[in-house]
Amino acid sequence: MMNFLLALYSSLLIKILPLLVVSLLLTFLLVKAKMPKFFYLLIVVEVIAISVLHYSTVVTSISLYMEERVWIILFNMAILVGIYLMIPTLSIILYRVLRKRGY
């Protein structure tokens, strides 16, 4: 079971890495161009996309938990959604750092 989860999370990180790079690059370009409204729009679009993409994951995990009462199901769902939420979180951190440095 542990090897399966390790393979799942590592392949998930490999899938997310290009999305993360694009998001951070867009954040950098929007800060350089002094377009904060588009940055906020980018964050909103990312969060909505993550919510829409993982709605079925969350609903399935909650229904499985209600049937089985096994906490690992909820933990795996939280880790999966948390990995995707890393993208807008790191964009916000980069935005704050670049704004403080005066880019």
Protein backbone atom coordinates (compact mmCIF):
# COMPACT_ATOMS: atom_id res chain seq x y z
CA MET A 1 0.00 0.00 0.00
CA MET A 2 2.80 2.42 0.88
CA ASN A 3 4.63 1.85 -2.42
CA PHE A 4 1.39 2.47 -4.30
CA LEU A 5 0.81 5.77 -2.49
CA LEU A 6 4.41 6.82 -3.05
CA ALA A 7 4.10 6.10 -6.76
CA LEU A 8 0.76 7.91 -6.91
CA TYR A 9 2.02 11.06 -5.21
CA SER A 10 5.28 11.15 -7.16
CA SER A 11 3.46 10.81 -10.49
CA LEU A 12 1.02 13.47 -9.32
CA LEU A 13 3.87 15.85 -8.56
CA ILE A 14 5.34 15.21 -12.00
CA LYS A 15 1.96 16.12 -13.55
CA ILE A 16 1.65 19.25 -11.42
CA LEU A 17 5.18 20.54 -12.00
CA PRO A 18 4.47 22.07 -15.47
CA LEU A 19 1.30 23.72 -14.13
CA LEU A 20 3.26 25.13 -11.23
CA VAL A 21 6.00 26.50 -13.49
CA VAL A 22 3.45 28.17 -15.79
CA SER A 23 1.59 29.67 -12.84
CA LEU A 24 4.77 31.04 -11.27
CA LEU A 25 5.94 32.41 -14.62
CA LEU A 26 2.60 34.15 -15.18
CA THR A 27 2.77 35.55 -11.65
CA PHE A 28 6.25 36.92 -12.28
CA LEU A 29 5.20 38.49 -15.59
CA LEU A 30 2.08 40.05 -14.08
CA VAL A 31 4.10 41.57 -11.24
CA LYS A 32 6.69 42.93 -13.68
CA ALA A 33 3.89 44.43 -15.82
CA LYS A 34 2.23 45.87 -12.68
CA MET A 35 -1.11 44.18 -13.36
CA PRO A 36 -2.37 43.07 -9.94
CA LYS A 37 -5.99 42.69 -11.08
CA PHE A 38 -4.98 40.05 -13.61
CA PHE A 39 -2.98 38.29 -10.90
CA TYR A 40 -6.08 38.08 -8.71
CA LEU A 41 -8.03 36.81 -11.71
CA LEU A 42 -5.34 34.15 -12.25
CA ILE A 43 -5.65 32.98 -8.64
CA VAL A 44 -9.45 32.86 -8.82
CA VAL A 45 -9.35 30.87 -12.07
CA GLU A 46 -6.83 28.41 -10.58
CA VAL A 47 -8.88 27.83 -7.42
CA ILE A 48 -12.13 27.41 -9.37
CA ALA A 49 -10.45 24.98 -11.78
CA ILE A 50 -9.08 22.93 -8.88
CA SER A 51 -12.50 22.90 -7.21
CA VAL A 52 -14.23 21.76 -10.39
CA LEU A 53 -11.61 19.13 -11.22
CA HIS A 54 -11.62 17.60 -7.76
CA TYR A 55 -15.29 17.86 -6.88
CA SER A 56 -15.82 14.19 -7.74
CA THR A 57 -12.71 13.20 -5.76
CA VAL A 58 -13.98 14.97 -2.66
CA VAL A 59 -17.53 13.64 -2.97
CA THR A 60 -16.34 10.08 -3.60
CA SER A 61 -13.92 10.22 -0.67
CA ILE A 62 -16.55 11.53 1.70
CA SER A 63 -19.09 8.91 0.66
CA LEU A 64 -16.48 6.14 1.02
CA TYR A 65 -15.60 7.46 4.45
CA MET A 66 -19.26 7.43 5.48
CA GLU A 67 -19.55 3.77 4.45
CA GLU A 68 -16.22 2.48 5.74
CA ARG A 69 -15.32 4.90 8.57
CA VAL A 70 -11.65 4.69 7.61
CA TRP A 71 -9.75 7.93 8.18
CA ILE A 72 -7.05 7.16 5.60
CA ILE A 73 -9.58 7.84 2.84
CA LEU A 74 -10.03 11.42 4.04
CA PHE A 75 -6.30 11.88 4.55
CA ASN A 76 -5.55 10.75 0.99
CA MET A 77 -8.22 13.10 -0.36
CA ALA A 78 -6.81 16.00 1.65
CA ILE A 79 -3.29 15.29 0.41
CA LEU A 80 -4.46 15.06 -3.20
CA VAL A 81 -6.39 18.33 -3.10
CA GLY A 82 -3.63 19.96 -1.04
CA ILE A 83 -1.02 19.16 -3.65
CA TYR A 84 -3.13 20.92 -6.27
CA LEU A 85 -3.76 23.87 -3.93
CA MET A 86 0.00 24.25 -3.69
CA ILE A 87 -0.09 25.99 -7.10
CA PRO A 88 -2.07 29.12 -6.11
CA THR A 89 -0.46 29.18 -2.67
CA LEU A 90 3.05 29.36 -4.13
CA SER A 91 1.87 31.99 -6.63
CA ILE A 92 0.59 34.15 -3.78
CA ILE A 93 3.87 33.73 -1.89
CA LEU A 94 5.88 34.68 -4.99
CA TYR A 95 3.61 37.69 -5.56
CA ARG A 96 4.16 38.92 -2.00
CA VAL A 97 7.93 38.44 -2.20
CA LEU A 98 8.21 40.23 -5.55
CA ARG A 99 6.03 43.12 -4.37
CA LYS A 100 8.21 43.60 -1.27
CA ARG A 101 11.36 43.65 -3.39
CA GLY A 102 9.88 46.30 -5.65
CA TYR A 103 9.75 44.50 -8.99
